[in-house]
Structure formats: C-alpha cells, structure tokens
Amino acid sequence: MQLAWLLASFWVRRKLEQRSKGAEYREEGYMMLNGGGSGSMASGEEGWEDRDVRGHKSRGQLRNVGTIWLIHYEHPGDIRFRPALRKALAERHPSPQGYARGEKVFIAAAFHQNEQVLPYWTQTMLDAITYLGTDNVFVSVVENYSSDRSPELLREFASELDRRGVKNRILVQDETIKKPEKVEWNPRIEFLAAIRNQALEPLLAHGGYDKVLFSNDIFIEPESVIELLETRDGDFDFACGLDFGHFGAYDMWVLRDRVGHLTAGIWPYFFDTAGYEAMKKEDPVPVFTCWNGIVVFQADPVLPIHLRIPRCRHLLFQDILGRRSSDHRPH
C-alpha cells in the first residue's frame, strides 16, 4: 500500500505541475517545485492558519535520505522540551499541577492487536502526563477484539494511572461497538469513527478540558507530544503530527492541503506555495484537514454548549451582540 501511495504521489505531483501552467491553478497558490517562479498565494490563506501539521517523529531523517537506514538523527526542534521534561521526571514528588501552561488535556486513544506498541506508548504518555500535571489530564482508552496481550498491558496502564491519581477510563475487551463482517472501506471508517466517539464519551458527558489529544497506535516520544501541544505557543484549533511508515509519510489519504487537495507521501509533501515554504522553514504547515498518527484540537467544538468553557461563550455572545448593535446603528 505504501509503495502504491508513493507512485500515486508522483502521479499527483506531475498533474499538479502541469496544472500550475494555468491561471486558475496559480490563483490557488500552487507552484512548480522544480525551479520556476514562486507562484502566488491564495487570497484565503489566512482562513486555515490555525490548522497545522507538524512532522515530529521522523522529520529529521528526511534530511539524510542517502543514509536514512544507517544513522538516526534527532531534529533539534523535536527535542527542545527534553531538558524541561527530564527535570520534571527527576523530581521525587512531581507537581500535580505540572510544568506546562496548566491547560486541561483529555487524552484519548483506541487500540487493537497492539502489544508491540503499547509498552512504548504507555510509557510515553506517563512521562508526558508528569510534565502536563496529573491534575490536568484525563485518559480515555478503548480496546476491543484483540487476541494478543493488549488487554493485559492496558490493565497495567490503568493501575499505574490510578496509582498516580490520574483520572481515567480504560475499556478493555469491549464489544459495545459491533465489528463489521468485513473491516474494509466504508464499514471500516464507520467502525473506527464509532470507536473514537466512544473514547470521547467521558469528555462529552462532563467537559472540563481545554484540548483533546487523540493518538493512534504509534511510537512517539513524550517531548514530541509536548511539542505538538505547544504548536504556535498553543494558539491553534487543530494540529497534527506527520506519521511515517517504511516508505515515507503514512496515512496521507486523511491529509488535505490548505485548499483541500491531496498531498504527497515524500518531501516536501505539499505542492501549494504556503505549505512548501513552511516546510522549507520547518514551520507548521497550514492545512484544510489532517489526522496523521496523533492530533490535538480545541475541545469546545465537540462539546455540548452548556459544557463549553465560559470565556468562549462570553466571547461568542460578545461577538453576536456586537453584530446586532452595529446592525441597528444609523447609516
């Protein structure tokens, strides 16, 4: 599948380069990546600035394509929180309020047949929770239909969360969501969506959290989790990591650039000018949508209105009242 996706990416790139010759294509802010002019930015670029995609897990390896299988490279931008994290982990009695900005973070995940991933993932989350503060985090995990050690490992994780005083709901061997006969195409997506909604149930029932961190079954470092949460100093609506498989970026079918077009599985991933320039500068890339490996988003949009953070409701009503008052002003 990865190889097929790479071939498709090359095909898409060629089509985009051909399309860049047209005025309509240039107006959308695309450019040829092999030399030619800088292209022009789309007039609506600002509308998507708050949705970012960040490549945290393997981005540094992309700089060393010739030796990617021979060495390991850590990108400096991915480990800038490592000293602060290590200091927090070294504390004999870490502060329950944590060492970050004090935001309340709802961590959600769904697992199936992940005994190889879970030991690494659970330790990463425990370390990240120490930094974020045990009082600031809720962990919700759903596991179902596994025949390996996933349930056992998650029970151990739940016990450790309880020991540390972290609020949690860890469902193992749960069959509330019925598995379709064939887990492929649309039935698969509907099944996964239902499981993710199930993982969000404690949040939707009680609210009380600023951001949602939703993780797939990935290998990730705790400092990368923190880095994602700190995207643009926390000023974003939706931010994603960039997941990598054996042959390049992974799950690219869920990623769309800032004007809603497909991206590529190889660097620079984005063909529009804003995305390409952001990749060159190693800045967050504005996108239309994403869900690659791990995501963080504002909790309010998924909450019932009565559970949303009061300050947001106040700003909303203030905006509505402002519009009404302006409508009644004499012209």
C-alpha atoms as a PDB file:
ATOM      1  CA  MET A   1       0.000   0.000   0.000  1.00  0.00           C
ATOM      2  CA  GLN A   2       2.811   2.415   0.854  1.00  0.00           C
ATOM      3  CA  LEU A   3       4.539   1.795  -2.477  1.00  0.00           C
ATOM      4  CA  ALA A   4       1.262   2.290  -4.318  1.00  0.00           C
ATOM      5  CA  TRP A   5       0.713   5.534  -2.456  1.00  0.00           C
ATOM      6  CA  LEU A   6       4.179   6.780  -3.389  1.00  0.00           C
ATOM      7  CA  LEU A   7       3.519   6.043  -7.056  1.00  0.00           C
ATOM      8  CA  ALA A   8       0.211   7.858  -6.772  1.00  0.00           C
ATOM      9  CA  SER A   9       2.024  10.784  -5.152  1.00  0.00           C
ATOM     10  CA  PHE A  10       4.422  11.050  -8.081  1.00  0.00           C
ATOM     11  CA  TRP A  11       1.469  10.977 -10.461  1.00  0.00           C
ATOM     12  CA  VAL A  12      -0.335  13.693  -8.488  1.00  0.00           C
ATOM     13  CA  ARG A  13       2.799  15.823  -8.461  1.00  0.00           C
ATOM     14  CA  ARG A  14       3.129  15.594 -12.257  1.00  0.00           C
ATOM     15  CA  LYS A  15      -0.507  16.517 -12.693  1.00  0.00           C
ATOM     16  CA  LEU A  16      -0.111  19.460 -10.342  1.00  0.00           C
ATOM     17  CA  GLU A  17       2.966  20.691 -12.167  1.00  0.00           C
ATOM     18  CA  GLN A  18       1.049  20.573 -15.433  1.00  0.00           C
ATOM     19  CA  ARG A  19      -1.861  22.337 -13.852  1.00  0.00           C
ATOM     20  CA  SER A  20       0.377  25.091 -12.473  1.00  0.00           C
ATOM     21  CA  LYS A  21       0.615  26.471 -16.001  1.00  0.00           C
ATOM     22  CA  GLY A  22      -2.993  27.599 -15.814  1.00  0.00           C
ATOM     23  CA  ALA A  23      -4.162  30.858 -14.264  1.00  0.00           C
ATOM     24  CA  GLU A  24      -6.717  29.097 -12.075  1.00  0.00           C
ATOM     25  CA  TYR A  25      -4.019  26.886 -10.557  1.00  0.00           C
ATOM     26  CA  ARG A  26      -1.754  29.846  -9.819  1.00  0.00           C
ATOM     27  CA  GLU A  27      -4.611  31.640  -8.126  1.00  0.00           C
ATOM     28  CA  GLU A  28      -4.962  28.738  -5.701  1.00  0.00           C
ATOM     29  CA  GLY A  29      -1.402  29.363  -4.580  1.00  0.00           C
ATOM     30  CA  TYR A  30       0.370  26.384  -6.148  1.00  0.00           C
ATOM     31  CA  MET A  31       3.834  26.433  -7.630  1.00  0.00           C
ATOM     32  CA  MET A  32       6.187  24.201  -9.586  1.00  0.00           C
ATOM     33  CA  LEU A  33       8.698  22.669  -7.199  1.00  0.00           C
ATOM     34  CA  ASN A  34      11.490  22.153  -9.721  1.00  0.00           C
ATOM     35  CA  GLY A  35      12.682  25.665 -10.158  1.00  0.00           C
ATOM     36  CA  GLY A  36      10.423  28.100 -11.962  1.00  0.00           C
ATOM     37  CA  GLY A  37       8.664  31.115 -10.285  1.00  0.00           C
ATOM     38  CA  SER A  38       7.472  31.489  -6.793  1.00  0.00           C
ATOM     39  CA  GLY A  39       3.787  31.251  -7.601  1.00  0.00           C
ATOM     40  CA  SER A  40       1.141  33.366  -5.934  1.00  0.00           C
ATOM     41  CA  MET A  41      -0.595  32.924  -2.610  1.00  0.00           C
ATOM     42  CA  ALA A  42      -4.299  32.235  -2.432  1.00  0.00           C
ATOM     43  CA  SER A  43      -6.356  35.096  -1.107  1.00  0.00           C
ATOM     44  CA  GLY A  44      -7.984  32.866   1.514  1.00  0.00           C
ATOM     45  CA  GLU A  45      -4.787  31.581   3.093  1.00  0.00           C
ATOM     46  CA  GLU A  46      -5.454  33.176   6.476  1.00  0.00           C
ATOM     47  CA  GLY A  47      -8.611  31.136   6.860  1.00  0.00           C
ATOM     48  CA  TRP A  48      -6.625  27.954   7.504  1.00  0.00           C
ATOM     49  CA  GLU A  49      -3.699  29.274   9.507  1.00  0.00           C
ATOM     50  CA  ASP A  50      -4.931  27.710  12.738  1.00  0.00           C
ATOM     51  CA  ARG A  51      -4.833  24.143  11.412  1.00  0.00           C
ATOM     52  CA  ASP A  52      -1.288  22.873  11.313  1.00  0.00           C
ATOM     53  CA  VAL A  53       0.530  19.684  10.525  1.00  0.00           C
ATOM     54  CA  ARG A  54       3.847  19.004  12.171  1.00  0.00           C
ATOM     55  CA  GLY A  55       6.277  16.185  11.479  1.00  0.00           C
ATOM     56  CA  HIS A  56       7.536  15.208  14.902  1.00  0.00           C
ATOM     57  CA  LYS A  57       8.542  11.589  14.788  1.00  0.00           C
ATOM     58  CA  SER A  58      10.913  11.176  11.893  1.00  0.00           C
ATOM     59  CA  ARG A  59      11.248  14.550  10.236  1.00  0.00           C
ATOM     60  CA  GLY A  60      14.978  14.775  10.857  1.00  0.00           C
ATOM     61  CA  GLN A  61      15.600  11.576   8.913  1.00  0.00           C
ATOM     62  CA  LEU A  62      14.263  13.195   5.765  1.00  0.00           C
ATOM     63  CA  ARG A  63      17.363  15.380   5.584  1.00  0.00           C
ATOM     64  CA  ASN A  64      19.599  12.380   5.289  1.00  0.00           C
ATOM     65  CA  VAL A  65      17.941  10.424   2.527  1.00  0.00           C
ATOM     66  CA  GLY A  66      21.201   8.804   1.410  1.00  0.00           C
ATOM     67  CA  THR A  67      21.917   7.413   4.860  1.00  0.00           C
ATOM     68  CA  ILE A  68      18.400   7.097   6.251  1.00  0.00           C
ATOM     69  CA  TRP A  69      18.868   3.386   7.022  1.00  0.00           C
ATOM     70  CA  LEU A  70      22.344   3.829   8.502  1.00  0.00           C
ATOM     71  CA  ILE A  71      22.026   6.592  11.108  1.00  0.00           C
ATOM     72  CA  HIS A  72      19.467   8.077  13.451  1.00  0.00           C
ATOM     73  CA  TYR A  73      19.027  11.825  13.510  1.00  0.00           C
ATOM     74  CA  GLU A  74      17.049  13.842  16.038  1.00  0.00           C
ATOM     75  CA  HIS A  75      15.727  17.139  14.797  1.00  0.00           C
ATOM     76  CA  PRO A  76      16.562  19.927  17.283  1.00  0.00           C
ATOM     77  CA  GLY A  77      13.040  21.307  17.040  1.00  0.00           C
ATOM     78  CA  ASP A  78      11.580  17.997  18.180  1.00  0.00           C
ATOM     79  CA  ILE A  79      13.581  17.779  21.396  1.00  0.00           C
ATOM     80  CA  ARG A  80      13.530  21.369  22.675  1.00  0.00           C
ATOM     81  CA  PHE A  81      11.314  20.328  25.600  1.00  0.00           C
ATOM     82  CA  ARG A  82      13.554  17.426  26.574  1.00  0.00           C
ATOM     83  CA  PRO A  83      15.524  19.315  29.272  1.00  0.00           C
ATOM     84  CA  ALA A  84      12.323  20.539  30.951  1.00  0.00           C
ATOM     85  CA  LEU A  85      10.798  17.067  30.671  1.00  0.00           C
ATOM     86  CA  ARG A  86      13.831  15.402  32.212  1.00  0.00           C
ATOM     87  CA  LYS A  87      13.812  17.919  35.041  1.00  0.00           C
ATOM     88  CA  ALA A  88      10.162  17.124  35.750  1.00  0.00           C
ATOM     89  CA  LEU A  89      10.793  13.372  35.624  1.00  0.00           C
ATOM     90  CA  ALA A  90      13.724  13.759  38.006  1.00  0.00           C
ATOM     91  CA  GLU A  91      11.501  15.293  40.687  1.00  0.00           C
ATOM     92  CA  ARG A  92      10.964  12.953  43.602  1.00  0.00           C
ATOM     93  CA  HIS A  93       7.444  14.314  44.049  1.00  0.00           C
ATOM     94  CA  PRO A  94       6.356  15.873  40.742  1.00  0.00           C
ATOM     95  CA  SER A  95       3.853  18.715  40.975  1.00  0.00           C
ATOM     96  CA  PRO A  96       0.259  17.593  40.281  1.00  0.00           C
ATOM     97  CA  GLN A  97      -0.194  20.947  38.530  1.00  0.00           C
ATOM     98  CA  GLY A  98       2.625  20.083  36.134  1.00  0.00           C
ATOM     99  CA  TYR A  99       5.216  22.262  34.439  1.00  0.00           C
ATOM    100  CA  ALA A 100       3.387  23.344  31.280  1.00  0.00           C
ATOM    101  CA  ARG A 101       0.832  26.108  30.708  1.00  0.00           C
ATOM    102  CA  GLY A 102      -1.731  24.491  33.023  1.00  0.00           C
ATOM    103  CA  GLU A 103      -4.207  23.547  30.312  1.00  0.00           C
ATOM    104  CA  LYS A 104      -6.558  20.645  30.886  1.00  0.00           C
ATOM    105  CA  VAL A 105      -5.836  17.899  28.355  1.00  0.00           C
ATOM    106  CA  PHE A 106      -8.134  14.982  27.510  1.00  0.00           C
ATOM    107  CA  ILE A 107      -6.006  12.130  26.123  1.00  0.00           C
ATOM    108  CA  ALA A 108      -7.895   9.588  24.015  1.00  0.00           C
ATOM    109  CA  ALA A 109      -6.820   6.513  22.074  1.00  0.00           C
ATOM    110  CA  ALA A 110      -8.149   3.289  20.568  1.00  0.00           C
ATOM    111  CA  PHE A 111      -6.183   0.048  20.271  1.00  0.00           C
ATOM    112  CA  HIS A 112      -6.477  -3.354  18.632  1.00  0.00           C
ATOM    113  CA  GLN A 113      -3.759  -6.012  18.485  1.00  0.00           C
ATOM    114  CA  ASN A 114      -1.083  -3.566  19.687  1.00  0.00           C
ATOM    115  CA  GLU A 115       1.021  -5.489  22.199  1.00  0.00           C
ATOM    116  CA  GLN A 116       4.206  -4.352  20.442  1.00  0.00           C
ATOM    117  CA  VAL A 117       3.244  -0.676  20.537  1.00  0.00           C
ATOM    118  CA  LEU A 118       1.606  -0.388  23.945  1.00  0.00           C
ATOM    119  CA  PRO A 119       4.650  -0.678  26.270  1.00  0.00           C
ATOM    120  CA  TYR A 120       6.328   2.222  24.459  1.00  0.00           C
ATOM    121  CA  TRP A 121       3.144   4.244  24.061  1.00  0.00           C
ATOM    122  CA  THR A 122       2.032   3.918  27.675  1.00  0.00           C
ATOM    123  CA  GLN A 123       5.455   4.949  28.996  1.00  0.00           C
ATOM    124  CA  THR A 124       5.472   7.937  26.658  1.00  0.00           C
ATOM    125  CA  MET A 125       2.079   9.046  27.923  1.00  0.00           C
ATOM    126  CA  LEU A 126       3.046   8.563  31.566  1.00  0.00           C
ATOM    127  CA  ASP A 127       6.106  10.757  31.048  1.00  0.00           C
ATOM    128  CA  ALA A 128       4.086  13.390  29.188  1.00  0.00           C
ATOM    129  CA  ILE A 129       1.439  13.358  31.935  1.00  0.00           C
ATOM    130  CA  THR A 130       4.128  14.013  34.547  1.00  0.00           C
ATOM    131  CA  TYR A 131       5.067  17.162  32.643  1.00  0.00           C
ATOM    132  CA  LEU A 132       1.476  18.242  31.988  1.00  0.00           C
ATOM    133  CA  GLY A 133       0.424  17.523  35.569  1.00  0.00           C
ATOM    134  CA  THR A 134      -1.610  14.613  36.892  1.00  0.00           C
ATOM    135  CA  ASP A 135      -4.386  17.020  37.933  1.00  0.00           C
ATOM    136  CA  ASN A 136      -4.664  18.373  34.392  1.00  0.00           C
ATOM    137  CA  VAL A 137      -5.186  15.145  32.450  1.00  0.00           C
ATOM    138  CA  PHE A 138      -7.903  12.592  31.778  1.00  0.00           C
ATOM    139  CA  VAL A 139      -7.022   9.404  29.883  1.00  0.00           C
ATOM    140  CA  SER A 140      -9.675   7.530  27.903  1.00  0.00           C
ATOM    141  CA  VAL A 141      -8.738   4.350  26.022  1.00  0.00           C
ATOM    142  CA  VAL A 142     -10.875   1.835  24.158  1.00  0.00           C
ATOM    143  CA  GLU A 143      -9.515  -1.609  23.247  1.00  0.00           C
ATOM    144  CA  ASN A 144     -11.577  -4.257  21.529  1.00  0.00           C
ATOM    145  CA  TYR A 145     -11.391  -7.568  19.695  1.00  0.00           C
ATOM    146  CA  SER A 146      -7.695  -8.168  20.482  1.00  0.00           C
ATOM    147  CA  SER A 147      -6.310 -11.682  20.842  1.00  0.00           C
ATOM    148  CA  ASP A 148      -2.827 -10.628  21.989  1.00  0.00           C
ATOM    149  CA  ARG A 149      -1.619  -9.059  25.271  1.00  0.00           C
ATOM    150  CA  SER A 150      -3.172  -5.661  24.590  1.00  0.00           C
ATOM    151  CA  PRO A 151      -5.888  -6.013  27.279  1.00  0.00           C
ATOM    152  CA  GLU A 152      -3.336  -7.093  29.885  1.00  0.00           C
ATOM    153  CA  LEU A 153      -0.994  -4.211  29.074  1.00  0.00           C
ATOM    154  CA  LEU A 154      -3.819  -1.692  29.251  1.00  0.00           C
ATOM    155  CA  ARG A 155      -4.978  -3.035  32.609  1.00  0.00           C
ATOM    156  CA  GLU A 156      -1.444  -2.440  33.889  1.00  0.00           C
ATOM    157  CA  PHE A 157      -1.580   1.069  32.433  1.00  0.00           C
ATOM    158  CA  ALA A 158      -4.898   1.741  34.185  1.00  0.00           C
ATOM    159  CA  SER A 159      -3.451   0.563  37.501  1.00  0.00           C
ATOM    160  CA  GLU A 160      -0.486   2.910  37.108  1.00  0.00           C
ATOM    161  CA  LEU A 161      -2.757   5.833  36.267  1.00  0.00           C
ATOM    162  CA  ASP A 162      -4.817   5.080  39.375  1.00  0.00           C
ATOM    163  CA  ARG A 163      -1.655   4.921  41.475  1.00  0.00           C
ATOM    164  CA  ARG A 164      -0.606   8.343  40.208  1.00  0.00           C
ATOM    165  CA  GLY A 165      -4.039   9.850  40.747  1.00  0.00           C
ATOM    166  CA  VAL A 166      -4.801  10.403  37.055  1.00  0.00           C
ATOM    167  CA  LYS A 167      -8.484  10.312  36.135  1.00  0.00           C
ATOM    168  CA  ASN A 168      -9.114   7.670  33.518  1.00  0.00           C
ATOM    169  CA  ARG A 169     -11.485   5.282  31.803  1.00  0.00           C
ATOM    170  CA  ILE A 170      -9.735   2.302  30.219  1.00  0.00           C
ATOM    171  CA  LEU A 171     -12.103  -0.085  28.448  1.00  0.00           C
ATOM    172  CA  VAL A 172     -10.595  -3.450  27.544  1.00  0.00           C
ATOM    173  CA  GLN A 173     -12.125  -6.311  25.579  1.00  0.00           C
ATOM    174  CA  ASP A 174     -15.044  -4.000  24.954  1.00  0.00           C
ATOM    175  CA  GLU A 175     -17.585  -5.082  22.349  1.00  0.00           C
ATOM    176  CA  THR A 176     -20.083  -2.250  22.665  1.00  0.00           C
ATOM    177  CA  ILE A 177     -19.317  -1.254  19.088  1.00  0.00           C
ATOM    178  CA  LYS A 178     -20.054  -4.250  16.906  1.00  0.00           C
ATOM    179  CA  LYS A 179     -17.330  -5.194  14.469  1.00  0.00           C
ATOM    180  CA  PRO A 180     -18.480  -5.354  10.823  1.00  0.00           C
ATOM    181  CA  GLU A 181     -18.147  -8.607   8.930  1.00  0.00           C
ATOM    182  CA  LYS A 182     -15.569  -7.041   6.623  1.00  0.00           C
ATOM    183  CA  VAL A 183     -13.388  -4.351   8.173  1.00  0.00           C
ATOM    184  CA  GLU A 184     -12.596  -2.508   4.966  1.00  0.00           C
ATOM    185  CA  TRP A 185     -13.565   0.612   3.041  1.00  0.00           C
ATOM    186  CA  ASN A 186     -16.637   2.482   4.341  1.00  0.00           C
ATOM    187  CA  PRO A 187     -17.616  -0.068   7.036  1.00  0.00           C
ATOM    188  CA  ARG A 188     -14.083   0.200   8.445  1.00  0.00           C
ATOM    189  CA  ILE A 189     -14.237   4.004   8.620  1.00  0.00           C
ATOM    190  CA  GLU A 190     -17.665   3.929  10.261  1.00  0.00           C
ATOM    191  CA  PHE A 191     -16.415   1.352  12.771  1.00  0.00           C
ATOM    192  CA  LEU A 192     -13.326   3.393  13.662  1.00  0.00           C
ATOM    193  CA  ALA A 193     -15.361   6.592  13.917  1.00  0.00           C
ATOM    194  CA  ALA A 194     -17.758   4.932  16.353  1.00  0.00           C
ATOM    195  CA  ILE A 195     -14.853   3.715  18.496  1.00  0.00           C
ATOM    196  CA  ARG A 196     -13.315   7.179  18.565  1.00  0.00           C
ATOM    197  CA  ASN A 197     -16.651   8.646  19.603  1.00  0.00           C
ATOM    198  CA  GLN A 198     -16.789   6.049  22.362  1.00  0.00           C
ATOM    199  CA  ALA A 199     -13.351   7.147  23.574  1.00  0.00           C
ATOM    200  CA  LEU A 200     -14.632  10.738  23.767  1.00  0.00           C
ATOM    201  CA  GLU A 201     -17.713   9.838  25.843  1.00  0.00           C
ATOM    202  CA  PRO A 202     -16.315  10.975  29.236  1.00  0.00           C
ATOM    203  CA  LEU A 203     -15.441  14.350  27.731  1.00  0.00           C
ATOM    204  CA  LEU A 204     -18.852  14.799  26.114  1.00  0.00           C
ATOM    205  CA  ALA A 205     -20.579  13.848  29.366  1.00  0.00           C
ATOM    206  CA  HIS A 206     -18.662  16.107  31.729  1.00  0.00           C
ATOM    207  CA  GLY A 207     -16.497  18.576  29.780  1.00  0.00           C
ATOM    208  CA  GLY A 208     -13.840  20.369  31.807  1.00  0.00           C
ATOM    209  CA  TYR A 209     -10.915  20.112  29.377  1.00  0.00           C
ATOM    210  CA  ASP A 210      -9.306  22.671  27.084  1.00  0.00           C
ATOM    211  CA  LYS A 211      -7.773  20.401  24.476  1.00  0.00           C
ATOM    212  CA  VAL A 212      -8.170  16.859  23.176  1.00  0.00           C
ATOM    213  CA  LEU A 213      -5.102  14.805  22.302  1.00  0.00           C
ATOM    214  CA  PHE A 214      -6.140  11.789  20.222  1.00  0.00           C
ATOM    215  CA  SER A 215      -3.465   9.216  19.436  1.00  0.00           C
ATOM    216  CA  ASN A 216      -3.337   6.298  17.032  1.00  0.00           C
ATOM    217  CA  ASP A 217      -1.210   3.204  17.701  1.00  0.00           C
ATOM    218  CA  ILE A 218       2.133   4.939  17.177  1.00  0.00           C
ATOM    219  CA  PHE A 219       5.647   5.069  18.545  1.00  0.00           C
ATOM    220  CA  ILE A 220       6.252   8.601  19.785  1.00  0.00           C
ATOM    221  CA  GLU A 221       8.471  10.365  22.301  1.00  0.00           C
ATOM    222  CA  PRO A 222       6.996  12.352  25.228  1.00  0.00           C
ATOM    223  CA  GLU A 223       8.824  15.521  24.164  1.00  0.00           C
ATOM    224  CA  SER A 224       7.143  15.208  20.760  1.00  0.00           C
ATOM    225  CA  VAL A 225       3.751  15.029  22.466  1.00  0.00           C
ATOM    226  CA  ILE A 226       4.605  18.218  24.338  1.00  0.00           C
ATOM    227  CA  GLU A 227       5.910  19.845  21.157  1.00  0.00           C
ATOM    228  CA  LEU A 228       2.621  19.161  19.396  1.00  0.00           C
ATOM    229  CA  LEU A 229       0.640  20.653  22.282  1.00  0.00           C
ATOM    230  CA  GLU A 230       2.887  23.724  22.148  1.00  0.00           C
ATOM    231  CA  THR A 231       2.390  24.331  18.424  1.00  0.00           C
ATOM    232  CA  ARG A 232       2.324  28.118  17.894  1.00  0.00           C
ATOM    233  CA  ASP A 233       2.543  28.510  21.676  1.00  0.00           C
ATOM    234  CA  GLY A 234      -0.790  26.728  21.982  1.00  0.00           C
ATOM    235  CA  ASP A 235      -2.603  29.101  19.622  1.00  0.00           C
ATOM    236  CA  PHE A 236      -4.284  26.717  17.192  1.00  0.00           C
ATOM    237  CA  ASP A 237      -7.591  24.998  16.566  1.00  0.00           C
ATOM    238  CA  PHE A 238      -6.309  21.671  15.237  1.00  0.00           C
ATOM    239  CA  ALA A 239      -2.721  20.425  14.964  1.00  0.00           C
ATOM    240  CA  CYS A 240      -1.443  17.080  13.692  1.00  0.00           C
ATOM    241  CA  GLY A 241       1.770  15.141  13.711  1.00  0.00           C
ATOM    242  CA  LEU A 242       3.111  13.672  10.482  1.00  0.00           C
ATOM    243  CA  ASP A 243       3.209   9.889  10.674  1.00  0.00           C
ATOM    244  CA  PHE A 244       5.871   7.836   8.886  1.00  0.00           C
ATOM    245  CA  GLY A 245       5.961   4.257   7.630  1.00  0.00           C
ATOM    246  CA  HIS A 246       8.674   2.321   5.816  1.00  0.00           C
ATOM    247  CA  PHE A 247       8.348   4.199   2.530  1.00  0.00           C
ATOM    248  CA  GLY A 248       7.579   7.746   3.571  1.00  0.00           C
ATOM    249  CA  ALA A 249       4.711   9.586   5.191  1.00  0.00           C
ATOM    250  CA  TYR A 250       1.846   7.336   6.280  1.00  0.00           C
ATOM    251  CA  ASP A 251      -1.957   7.652   6.088  1.00  0.00           C
ATOM    252  CA  MET A 252      -1.700  10.569   3.680  1.00  0.00           C
ATOM    253  CA  TRP A 253      -5.235   9.952   2.444  1.00  0.00           C
ATOM    254  CA  VAL A 254      -6.562  11.742   5.537  1.00  0.00           C
ATOM    255  CA  LEU A 255      -4.440  14.852   4.920  1.00  0.00           C
ATOM    256  CA  ARG A 256      -5.509  17.746   2.678  1.00  0.00           C
ATOM    257  CA  ASP A 257      -3.562  20.920   1.997  1.00  0.00           C
ATOM    258  CA  ARG A 258      -4.968  24.345   2.806  1.00  0.00           C
ATOM    259  CA  VAL A 259      -7.200  24.391  -0.293  1.00  0.00           C
ATOM    260  CA  GLY A 260      -8.424  20.821   0.172  1.00  0.00           C
ATOM    261  CA  HIS A 261      -6.154  18.937  -2.242  1.00  0.00           C
ATOM    262  CA  LEU A 262      -4.256  15.684  -1.727  1.00  0.00           C
ATOM    263  CA  THR A 263      -0.639  15.798  -0.634  1.00  0.00           C
ATOM    264  CA  ALA A 264       2.368  13.567  -1.369  1.00  0.00           C
ATOM    265  CA  GLY A 265       3.996  10.787   0.643  1.00  0.00           C
ATOM    266  CA  ILE A 266       7.507  12.192   0.149  1.00  0.00           C
ATOM    267  CA  TRP A 267       9.169  15.514   0.905  1.00  0.00           C
ATOM    268  CA  PRO A 268       8.074  18.289   0.592  1.00  0.00           C
ATOM    269  CA  TYR A 269       4.605  16.685   0.873  1.00  0.00           C
ATOM    270  CA  PHE A 270       2.804  19.916  -0.060  1.00  0.00           C
ATOM    271  CA  PHE A 271       2.563  21.482  -3.513  1.00  0.00           C
ATOM    272  CA  ASP A 272       0.898  24.776  -2.635  1.00  0.00           C
ATOM    273  CA  THR A 273       3.188  27.757  -2.065  1.00  0.00           C
ATOM    274  CA  ALA A 274       2.294  28.331   1.597  1.00  0.00           C
ATOM    275  CA  GLY A 275       2.790  24.672   2.502  1.00  0.00           C
ATOM    276  CA  TYR A 276       6.019  24.338   0.544  1.00  0.00           C
ATOM    277  CA  GLU A 277       7.536  27.485   2.045  1.00  0.00           C
ATOM    278  CA  ALA A 278       6.516  26.406   5.560  1.00  0.00           C
ATOM    279  CA  MET A 279       8.177  23.019   5.031  1.00  0.00           C
ATOM    280  CA  LYS A 280      11.394  24.704   3.891  1.00  0.00           C
ATOM    281  CA  LYS A 281      11.372  26.903   7.009  1.00  0.00           C
ATOM    282  CA  GLU A 282      10.356  23.931   9.198  1.00  0.00           C
ATOM    283  CA  ASP A 283       7.301  25.837  10.384  1.00  0.00           C
ATOM    284  CA  PRO A 284       3.806  24.434  10.995  1.00  0.00           C
ATOM    285  CA  VAL A 285       2.035  23.993   7.665  1.00  0.00           C
ATOM    286  CA  PRO A 286      -1.495  25.408   7.220  1.00  0.00           C
ATOM    287  CA  VAL A 287      -3.849  22.643   6.133  1.00  0.00           C
ATOM    288  CA  PHE A 288      -7.533  22.087   5.417  1.00  0.00           C
ATOM    289  CA  THR A 289      -7.742  18.904   7.488  1.00  0.00           C
ATOM    290  CA  CYS A 290      -5.492  16.199   8.922  1.00  0.00           C
ATOM    291  CA  TRP A 291      -5.401  13.173  11.224  1.00  0.00           C
ATOM    292  CA  ASN A 292      -1.952  11.655  10.895  1.00  0.00           C
ATOM    293  CA  GLY A 293      -0.893   9.495  13.823  1.00  0.00           C
ATOM    294  CA  ILE A 294      -1.659  11.978  16.582  1.00  0.00           C
ATOM    295  CA  VAL A 295      -3.776  15.126  16.731  1.00  0.00           C
ATOM    296  CA  VAL A 296      -4.541  17.889  19.210  1.00  0.00           C
ATOM    297  CA  PHE A 297      -7.604  20.079  18.910  1.00  0.00           C
ATOM    298  CA  GLN A 298      -9.668  22.519  20.925  1.00  0.00           C
ATOM    299  CA  ALA A 299     -12.276  20.654  22.957  1.00  0.00           C
ATOM    300  CA  ASP A 300     -15.107  23.191  22.706  1.00  0.00           C
ATOM    301  CA  PRO A 301     -16.331  22.379  19.164  1.00  0.00           C
ATOM    302  CA  VAL A 302     -17.193  18.792  20.147  1.00  0.00           C
ATOM    303  CA  LEU A 303     -18.818  19.697  23.480  1.00  0.00           C
ATOM    304  CA  PRO A 304     -22.468  20.455  24.187  1.00  0.00           C
ATOM    305  CA  ILE A 305     -22.906  24.221  24.516  1.00  0.00           C
ATOM    306  CA  HIS A 306     -23.543  24.101  28.264  1.00  0.00           C
ATOM    307  CA  LEU A 307     -20.183  22.366  28.833  1.00  0.00           C
ATOM    308  CA  ARG A 308     -18.055  24.743  26.815  1.00  0.00           C
ATOM    309  CA  ILE A 309     -15.560  26.957  28.582  1.00  0.00           C
ATOM    310  CA  PRO A 310     -17.356  30.104  29.851  1.00  0.00           C
ATOM    311  CA  ARG A 311     -14.828  32.524  28.401  1.00  0.00           C
ATOM    312  CA  CYS A 312     -15.519  31.154  24.913  1.00  0.00           C
ATOM    313  CA  ARG A 313     -19.276  31.527  25.386  1.00  0.00           C
ATOM    314  CA  HIS A 314     -18.695  35.077  26.594  1.00  0.00           C
ATOM    315  CA  LEU A 315     -16.657  35.922  23.511  1.00  0.00           C
ATOM    316  CA  LEU A 316     -19.295  34.335  21.278  1.00  0.00           C
ATOM    317  CA  PHE A 317     -22.146  36.324  22.827  1.00  0.00           C
ATOM    318  CA  GLN A 318     -20.000  39.452  22.779  1.00  0.00           C
ATOM    319  CA  ASP A 319     -19.464  38.952  19.062  1.00  0.00           C
ATOM    320  CA  ILE A 320     -23.180  38.362  18.428  1.00  0.00           C
ATOM    321  CA  LEU A 321     -24.185  41.434  20.456  1.00  0.00           C
ATOM    322  CA  GLY A 322     -21.573  43.487  18.654  1.00  0.00           C
ATOM    323  CA  ARG A 323     -23.014  42.493  15.291  1.00  0.00           C
ATOM    324  CA  ARG A 324     -26.569  43.235  16.405  1.00  0.00           C
ATOM    325  CA  SER A 325     -25.636  46.664  17.729  1.00  0.00           C
ATOM    326  CA  SER A 326     -23.817  47.506  14.516  1.00  0.00           C
ATOM    327  CA  ASP A 327     -26.880  46.434  12.503  1.00  0.00           C
ATOM    328  CA  HIS A 328     -29.010  48.998  14.374  1.00  0.00           C
ATOM    329  CA  ARG A 329     -26.616  51.891  14.044  1.00  0.00           C
ATOM    330  CA  PRO A 330     -27.806  54.741  11.795  1.00  0.00           C
ATOM    331  CA  HIS A 331     -26.204  54.678   8.343  1.00  0.00           C
END
